[in-house]
Amino acid sequence: MKPERTFVMTDPVTDEVLWVCSGADAAGRCPLAEKPPYVCQGLRVVATHGTQHDGTSFIVGEMAPGRCPAAWIDKR
């Protein structure tokens, strides 16, 4: 996880902020995504600071164990 980056997770219906994190580590992994329940699943993730895609948002559908749903941000 990179502390200079910020991702905000919101309820996709109410826009209530539920969680804030710094995204994936260099390998695209996240310790909170190791096993269910997945913190991000079903939430809207917004890249808010420190990425090349700040302002981009998406809703997390299926999760892959150990894989951060925001890891793709680093691949673009």
PDB file of N, CA and C in Angstrom:
ATOM      1  N   MET A   1       0.829  -1.173   0.000  1.00  0.00           N
ATOM      2  CA  MET A   1       0.000   0.000   0.000  1.00  0.00           C
ATOM      3  C   MET A   1       0.880   1.245   0.000  1.00  0.00           C
ATOM      4  N   LYS A   2       0.456   2.228  -0.712  1.00  0.00           N
ATOM      5  CA  LYS A   2       1.232   3.451  -0.840  1.00  0.00           C
ATOM      6  C   LYS A   2       0.544   4.581  -0.067  1.00  0.00           C
ATOM      7  N   PRO A   3       1.145   5.054   1.013  1.00  0.00           N
ATOM      8  CA  PRO A   3       0.469   6.038   1.855  1.00  0.00           C
ATOM      9  C   PRO A   3       0.219   7.382   1.190  1.00  0.00           C
ATOM     10  N   GLU A   4       0.923   7.709   0.111  1.00  0.00           N
ATOM     11  CA  GLU A   4       0.710   8.983  -0.553  1.00  0.00           C
ATOM     12  C   GLU A   4      -0.538   8.970  -1.443  1.00  0.00           C
ATOM     13  N   ARG A   5      -1.172   7.812  -1.601  1.00  0.00           N
ATOM     14  CA  ARG A   5      -2.394   7.686  -2.394  1.00  0.00           C
ATOM     15  C   ARG A   5      -3.591   7.519  -1.474  1.00  0.00           C
ATOM     16  N   THR A   6      -4.749   7.957  -1.974  1.00  0.00           N
ATOM     17  CA  THR A   6      -5.965   7.796  -1.193  1.00  0.00           C
ATOM     18  C   THR A   6      -7.092   7.305  -2.088  1.00  0.00           C
ATOM     19  N   PHE A   7      -7.754   6.253  -1.628  1.00  0.00           N
ATOM     20  CA  PHE A   7      -8.961   5.741  -2.247  1.00  0.00           C
ATOM     21  C   PHE A   7     -10.066   5.821  -1.197  1.00  0.00           C
ATOM     22  N   VAL A   8     -11.226   6.310  -1.598  1.00  0.00           N
ATOM     23  CA  VAL A   8     -12.361   6.430  -0.689  1.00  0.00           C
ATOM     24  C   VAL A   8     -13.425   5.450  -1.151  1.00  0.00           C
ATOM     25  N   MET A   9     -13.954   4.662  -0.208  1.00  0.00           N
ATOM     26  CA  MET A   9     -15.018   3.724  -0.511  1.00  0.00           C
ATOM     27  C   MET A   9     -16.318   4.294   0.044  1.00  0.00           C
ATOM     28  N   THR A  10     -17.328   4.370  -0.843  1.00  0.00           N
ATOM     29  CA  THR A  10     -18.619   4.919  -0.437  1.00  0.00           C
ATOM     30  C   THR A  10     -19.730   3.922  -0.724  1.00  0.00           C
ATOM     31  N   ASP A  11     -20.833   4.116  -0.038  1.00  0.00           N
ATOM     32  CA  ASP A  11     -22.042   3.366  -0.331  1.00  0.00           C
ATOM     33  C   ASP A  11     -22.525   3.855  -1.694  1.00  0.00           C
ATOM     34  N   PRO A  12     -22.732   2.963  -2.674  1.00  0.00           N
ATOM     35  CA  PRO A  12     -23.102   3.415  -4.012  1.00  0.00           C
ATOM     36  C   PRO A  12     -24.496   4.044  -4.090  1.00  0.00           C
ATOM     37  N   VAL A  13     -25.319   3.854  -3.077  1.00  0.00           N
ATOM     38  CA  VAL A  13     -26.666   4.432  -3.073  1.00  0.00           C
ATOM     39  C   VAL A  13     -26.692   5.777  -2.365  1.00  0.00           C
ATOM     40  N   THR A  14     -26.050   5.845  -1.184  1.00  0.00           N
ATOM     41  CA  THR A  14     -26.141   7.061  -0.367  1.00  0.00           C
ATOM     42  C   THR A  14     -24.924   7.971  -0.487  1.00  0.00           C
ATOM     43  N   ASP A  15     -23.836   7.493  -1.070  1.00  0.00           N
ATOM     44  CA  ASP A  15     -22.558   8.205  -1.161  1.00  0.00           C
ATOM     45  C   ASP A  15     -21.899   8.431   0.200  1.00  0.00           C
ATOM     46  N   GLU A  16     -22.368   7.745   1.228  1.00  0.00           N
ATOM     47  CA  GLU A  16     -21.750   7.848   2.558  1.00  0.00           C
ATOM     48  C   GLU A  16     -20.351   7.231   2.504  1.00  0.00           C
ATOM     49  N   VAL A  17     -19.358   7.946   3.020  1.00  0.00           N
ATOM     50  CA  VAL A  17     -17.995   7.430   3.074  1.00  0.00           C
ATOM     51  C   VAL A  17     -17.922   6.357   4.161  1.00  0.00           C
ATOM     52  N   LEU A  18     -17.469   5.167   3.766  1.00  0.00           N
ATOM     53  CA  LEU A  18     -17.409   4.037   4.688  1.00  0.00           C
ATOM     54  C   LEU A  18     -15.988   3.596   5.009  1.00  0.00           C
ATOM     55  N   TRP A  19     -15.047   3.907   4.124  1.00  0.00           N
ATOM     56  CA  TRP A  19     -13.698   3.380   4.305  1.00  0.00           C
ATOM     57  C   TRP A  19     -12.729   4.222   3.482  1.00  0.00           C
ATOM     58  N   VAL A  20     -11.506   4.373   3.968  1.00  0.00           N
ATOM     59  CA  VAL A  20     -10.449   5.066   3.234  1.00  0.00           C
ATOM     60  C   VAL A  20      -9.202   4.192   3.290  1.00  0.00           C
ATOM     61  N   CYS A  21      -8.504   4.051   2.155  1.00  0.00           N
ATOM     62  CA  CYS A  21      -7.268   3.271   2.161  1.00  0.00           C
ATOM     63  C   CYS A  21      -6.297   3.838   1.130  1.00  0.00           C
ATOM     64  N   SER A  22      -5.116   3.231   1.060  1.00  0.00           N
ATOM     65  CA  SER A  22      -4.092   3.693   0.120  1.00  0.00           C
ATOM     66  C   SER A  22      -3.932   2.759  -1.074  1.00  0.00           C
ATOM     67  N   GLY A  23      -4.811   1.786  -1.233  1.00  0.00           N
ATOM     68  CA  GLY A  23      -4.788   0.912  -2.406  1.00  0.00           C
ATOM     69  C   GLY A  23      -3.844  -0.263  -2.271  1.00  0.00           C
ATOM     70  N   ALA A  24      -3.515  -0.831  -3.411  1.00  0.00           N
ATOM     71  CA  ALA A  24      -2.728  -2.065  -3.470  1.00  0.00           C
ATOM     72  C   ALA A  24      -1.254  -1.835  -3.171  1.00  0.00           C
ATOM     73  N   ASP A  25      -0.600  -2.923  -2.713  1.00  0.00           N
ATOM     74  CA  ASP A  25       0.856  -2.866  -2.594  1.00  0.00           C
ATOM     75  C   ASP A  25       1.458  -3.060  -3.991  1.00  0.00           C
ATOM     76  N   ALA A  26       2.759  -3.117  -4.089  1.00  0.00           N
ATOM     77  CA  ALA A  26       3.436  -3.209  -5.391  1.00  0.00           C
ATOM     78  C   ALA A  26       3.036  -4.458  -6.174  1.00  0.00           C
ATOM     79  N   ALA A  27       2.619  -5.505  -5.474  1.00  0.00           N
ATOM     80  CA  ALA A  27       2.210  -6.749  -6.132  1.00  0.00           C
ATOM     81  C   ALA A  27       0.710  -6.789  -6.432  1.00  0.00           C
ATOM     82  N   GLY A  28      -0.028  -5.707  -6.103  1.00  0.00           N
ATOM     83  CA  GLY A  28      -1.463  -5.667  -6.355  1.00  0.00           C
ATOM     84  C   GLY A  28      -2.297  -6.328  -5.278  1.00  0.00           C
ATOM     85  N   ARG A  29      -1.686  -6.587  -4.133  1.00  0.00           N
ATOM     86  CA  ARG A  29      -2.377  -7.295  -3.060  1.00  0.00           C
ATOM     87  C   ARG A  29      -2.813  -6.356  -1.949  1.00  0.00           C
ATOM     88  N   CYS A  30      -3.726  -6.855  -1.118  1.00  0.00           N
ATOM     89  CA  CYS A  30      -4.227  -6.107   0.031  1.00  0.00           C
ATOM     90  C   CYS A  30      -4.507  -7.085   1.163  1.00  0.00           C
ATOM     91  N   PRO A  31      -4.004  -6.809   2.370  1.00  0.00           N
ATOM     92  CA  PRO A  31      -4.251  -7.723   3.483  1.00  0.00           C
ATOM     93  C   PRO A  31      -5.733  -7.803   3.868  1.00  0.00           C
ATOM     94  N   LEU A  32      -6.518  -6.774   3.580  1.00  0.00           N
ATOM     95  CA  LEU A  32      -7.948  -6.806   3.900  1.00  0.00           C
ATOM     96  C   LEU A  32      -8.735  -7.649   2.907  1.00  0.00           C
ATOM     97  N   ALA A  33      -8.107  -8.038   1.811  1.00  0.00           N
ATOM     98  CA  ALA A  33      -8.782  -8.827   0.780  1.00  0.00           C
ATOM     99  C   ALA A  33      -8.348 -10.293   0.788  1.00  0.00           C
ATOM    100  N   GLU A  34      -7.694 -10.719   1.841  1.00  0.00           N
ATOM    101  CA  GLU A  34      -7.209 -12.105   1.889  1.00  0.00           C
ATOM    102  C   GLU A  34      -8.338 -13.124   1.901  1.00  0.00           C
ATOM    103  N   LYS A  35      -9.423 -12.826   2.634  1.00  0.00           N
ATOM    104  CA  LYS A  35     -10.551 -13.766   2.697  1.00  0.00           C
ATOM    105  C   LYS A  35     -11.818 -12.988   3.055  1.00  0.00           C
ATOM    106  N   PRO A  36     -12.978 -13.555   2.737  1.00  0.00           N
ATOM    107  CA  PRO A  36     -14.238 -12.875   3.058  1.00  0.00           C
ATOM    108  C   PRO A  36     -14.388 -12.694   4.573  1.00  0.00           C
ATOM    109  N   PRO A  37     -15.124 -11.711   5.012  1.00  0.00           N
ATOM    110  CA  PRO A  37     -15.845 -10.726   4.215  1.00  0.00           C
ATOM    111  C   PRO A  37     -14.888  -9.672   3.660  1.00  0.00           C
ATOM    112  N   TYR A  38     -15.101  -9.299   2.421  1.00  0.00           N
ATOM    113  CA  TYR A  38     -14.266  -8.300   1.761  1.00  0.00           C
ATOM    114  C   TYR A  38     -14.818  -6.906   2.041  1.00  0.00           C
ATOM    115  N   VAL A  39     -13.991  -6.037   2.574  1.00  0.00           N
ATOM    116  CA  VAL A  39     -14.402  -4.689   2.959  1.00  0.00           C
ATOM    117  C   VAL A  39     -14.958  -3.912   1.769  1.00  0.00           C
ATOM    118  N   CYS A  40     -14.363  -4.054   0.596  1.00  0.00           N
ATOM    119  CA  CYS A  40     -14.705  -3.229  -0.569  1.00  0.00           C
ATOM    120  C   CYS A  40     -15.856  -3.760  -1.423  1.00  0.00           C
ATOM    121  N   GLN A  41     -16.173  -5.026  -1.311  1.00  0.00           N
ATOM    122  CA  GLN A  41     -17.145  -5.627  -2.213  1.00  0.00           C
ATOM    123  C   GLN A  41     -18.490  -4.910  -2.121  1.00  0.00           C
ATOM    124  N   GLY A  42     -19.003  -4.503  -3.281  1.00  0.00           N
ATOM    125  CA  GLY A  42     -20.283  -3.818  -3.361  1.00  0.00           C
ATOM    126  C   GLY A  42     -20.200  -2.308  -3.182  1.00  0.00           C
ATOM    127  N   LEU A  43     -19.030  -1.801  -2.839  1.00  0.00           N
ATOM    128  CA  LEU A  43     -18.878  -0.366  -2.615  1.00  0.00           C
ATOM    129  C   LEU A  43     -18.352   0.343  -3.854  1.00  0.00           C
ATOM    130  N   ARG A  44     -18.563   1.656  -3.908  1.00  0.00           N
ATOM    131  CA  ARG A  44     -17.966   2.486  -4.953  1.00  0.00           C
ATOM    132  C   ARG A  44     -16.593   2.911  -4.455  1.00  0.00           C
ATOM    133  N   VAL A  45     -15.562   2.683  -5.258  1.00  0.00           N
ATOM    134  CA  VAL A  45     -14.195   3.090  -4.935  1.00  0.00           C
ATOM    135  C   VAL A  45     -13.871   4.312  -5.794  1.00  0.00           C
ATOM    136  N   VAL A  46     -13.377   5.364  -5.139  1.00  0.00           N
ATOM    137  CA  VAL A  46     -13.011   6.587  -5.844  1.00  0.00           C
ATOM    138  C   VAL A  46     -11.535   6.869  -5.596  1.00  0.00           C
ATOM    139  N   ALA A  47     -10.755   6.996  -6.662  1.00  0.00           N
ATOM    140  CA  ALA A  47      -9.350   7.405  -6.539  1.00  0.00           C
ATOM    141  C   ALA A  47      -9.373   8.914  -6.286  1.00  0.00           C
ATOM    142  N   THR A  48      -8.953   9.325  -5.090  1.00  0.00           N
ATOM    143  CA  THR A  48      -9.102  10.733  -4.729  1.00  0.00           C
ATOM    144  C   THR A  48      -7.789  11.502  -4.666  1.00  0.00           C
ATOM    145  N   HIS A  49      -6.664  10.810  -4.515  1.00  0.00           N
ATOM    146  CA  HIS A  49      -5.403  11.533  -4.380  1.00  0.00           C
ATOM    147  C   HIS A  49      -4.215  10.630  -4.710  1.00  0.00           C
ATOM    148  N   GLY A  50      -3.285  11.153  -5.491  1.00  0.00           N
ATOM    149  CA  GLY A  50      -2.010  10.477  -5.701  1.00  0.00           C
ATOM    150  C   GLY A  50      -1.949   9.446  -6.802  1.00  0.00           C
ATOM    151  N   THR A  51      -2.993   9.341  -7.625  1.00  0.00           N
ATOM    152  CA  THR A  51      -2.940   8.415  -8.765  1.00  0.00           C
ATOM    153  C   THR A  51      -2.996   9.226 -10.052  1.00  0.00           C
ATOM    154  N   GLN A  52      -2.702   8.594 -11.152  1.00  0.00           N
ATOM    155  CA  GLN A  52      -2.852   9.260 -12.450  1.00  0.00           C
ATOM    156  C   GLN A  52      -4.312   9.319 -12.862  1.00  0.00           C
ATOM    157  N   HIS A  53      -5.178   8.694 -12.078  1.00  0.00           N
ATOM    158  CA  HIS A  53      -6.596   8.600 -12.416  1.00  0.00           C
ATOM    159  C   HIS A  53      -7.477   9.164 -11.305  1.00  0.00           C
ATOM    160  N   ASP A  54      -6.997  10.178 -10.595  1.00  0.00           N
ATOM    161  CA  ASP A  54      -7.808  10.791  -9.541  1.00  0.00           C
ATOM    162  C   ASP A  54      -9.163  11.201 -10.113  1.00  0.00           C
ATOM    163  N   GLY A  55     -10.203  10.915  -9.375  1.00  0.00           N
ATOM    164  CA  GLY A  55     -11.564  11.209  -9.821  1.00  0.00           C
ATOM    165  C   GLY A  55     -12.252  10.016 -10.445  1.00  0.00           C
ATOM    166  N   THR A  56     -11.481   9.006 -10.839  1.00  0.00           N
ATOM    167  CA  THR A  56     -12.062   7.799 -11.412  1.00  0.00           C
ATOM    168  C   THR A  56     -12.763   7.015 -10.315  1.00  0.00           C
ATOM    169  N   SER A  57     -13.944   6.483 -10.632  1.00  0.00           N
ATOM    170  CA  SER A  57     -14.650   5.663  -9.648  1.00  0.00           C
ATOM    171  C   SER A  57     -15.209   4.418 -10.323  1.00  0.00           C
ATOM    172  N   PHE A  58     -15.418   3.396  -9.522  1.00  0.00           N
ATOM    173  CA  PHE A  58     -15.994   2.142 -10.002  1.00  0.00           C
ATOM    174  C   PHE A  58     -16.617   1.419  -8.826  1.00  0.00           C
ATOM    175  N   ILE A  59     -17.569   0.550  -9.109  1.00  0.00           N
ATOM    176  CA  ILE A  59     -18.195  -0.264  -8.065  1.00  0.00           C
ATOM    177  C   ILE A  59     -17.539  -1.634  -8.094  1.00  0.00           C
ATOM    178  N   VAL A  60     -17.165  -2.117  -6.921  1.00  0.00           N
ATOM    179  CA  VAL A  60     -16.484  -3.408  -6.803  1.00  0.00           C
ATOM    180  C   VAL A  60     -17.518  -4.531  -6.854  1.00  0.00           C
ATOM    181  N   GLY A  61     -17.368  -5.387  -7.848  1.00  0.00           N
ATOM    182  CA  GLY A  61     -18.238  -6.553  -7.988  1.00  0.00           C
ATOM    183  C   GLY A  61     -17.583  -7.749  -7.317  1.00  0.00           C
ATOM    184  N   GLU A  62     -17.200  -8.717  -8.114  1.00  0.00           N
ATOM    185  CA  GLU A  62     -16.541  -9.908  -7.577  1.00  0.00           C
ATOM    186  C   GLU A  62     -15.130  -9.580  -7.126  1.00  0.00           C
ATOM    187  N   MET A  63     -14.706 -10.235  -6.075  1.00  0.00           N
ATOM    188  CA  MET A  63     -13.359 -10.054  -5.537  1.00  0.00           C
ATOM    189  C   MET A  63     -12.552 -11.321  -5.783  1.00  0.00           C
ATOM    190  N   ALA A  64     -11.267 -11.142  -6.016  1.00  0.00           N
ATOM    191  CA  ALA A  64     -10.331 -12.259  -6.091  1.00  0.00           C
ATOM    192  C   ALA A  64      -9.565 -12.269  -4.777  1.00  0.00           C
ATOM    193  N   PRO A  65      -9.498 -13.402  -4.087  1.00  0.00           N
ATOM    194  CA  PRO A  65      -8.819 -13.445  -2.800  1.00  0.00           C
ATOM    195  C   PRO A  65      -7.419 -12.844  -2.858  1.00  0.00           C
ATOM    196  N   GLY A  66      -7.167 -11.902  -1.967  1.00  0.00           N
ATOM    197  CA  GLY A  66      -5.865 -11.267  -1.854  1.00  0.00           C
ATOM    198  C   GLY A  66      -5.632 -10.113  -2.808  1.00  0.00           C
ATOM    199  N   ARG A  67      -6.450  -9.979  -3.821  1.00  0.00           N
ATOM    200  CA  ARG A  67      -6.250  -8.959  -4.861  1.00  0.00           C
ATOM    201  C   ARG A  67      -7.020  -7.680  -4.515  1.00  0.00           C
ATOM    202  N   CYS A  68      -6.329  -6.557  -4.518  1.00  0.00           N
ATOM    203  CA  CYS A  68      -6.965  -5.265  -4.287  1.00  0.00           C
ATOM    204  C   CYS A  68      -7.772  -4.885  -5.533  1.00  0.00           C
ATOM    205  N   PRO A  69      -9.032  -4.505  -5.379  1.00  0.00           N
ATOM    206  CA  PRO A  69      -9.819  -4.136  -6.553  1.00  0.00           C
ATOM    207  C   PRO A  69      -9.323  -2.865  -7.236  1.00  0.00           C
ATOM    208  N   ALA A  70      -8.503  -2.076  -6.560  1.00  0.00           N
ATOM    209  CA  ALA A  70      -7.957  -0.852  -7.163  1.00  0.00           C
ATOM    210  C   ALA A  70      -6.605  -1.081  -7.818  1.00  0.00           C
ATOM    211  N   ALA A  71      -6.107  -2.303  -7.839  1.00  0.00           N
ATOM    212  CA  ALA A  71      -4.769  -2.582  -8.394  1.00  0.00           C
ATOM    213  C   ALA A  71      -4.667  -2.212  -9.861  1.00  0.00           C
ATOM    214  N   TRP A  72      -5.748  -2.285 -10.611  1.00  0.00           N
ATOM    215  CA  TRP A  72      -5.728  -1.974 -12.040  1.00  0.00           C
ATOM    216  C   TRP A  72      -5.344  -0.513 -12.287  1.00  0.00           C
ATOM    217  N   ILE A  73      -5.568   0.361 -11.319  1.00  0.00           N
ATOM    218  CA  ILE A  73      -5.223   1.778 -11.463  1.00  0.00           C
ATOM    219  C   ILE A  73      -3.731   1.917 -11.814  1.00  0.00           C
ATOM    220  N   ASP A  74      -2.887   1.085 -11.230  1.00  0.00           N
ATOM    221  CA  ASP A  74      -1.456   1.146 -11.483  1.00  0.00           C
ATOM    222  C   ASP A  74      -1.062   0.594 -12.849  1.00  0.00           C
ATOM    223  N   LYS A  75      -1.938  -0.163 -13.471  1.00  0.00           N
ATOM    224  CA  LYS A  75      -1.642  -0.807 -14.758  1.00  0.00           C
ATOM    225  C   LYS A  75      -1.981   0.077 -15.941  1.00  0.00           C
ATOM    226  N   ARG A  76      -2.765   1.126 -15.724  1.00  0.00           N
ATOM    227  CA  ARG A  76      -3.246   1.980 -16.830  1.00  0.00           C
ATOM    228  C   ARG A  76      -2.255   3.034 -17.175  1.00  0.00           C
TER     229      ARG A  76
END
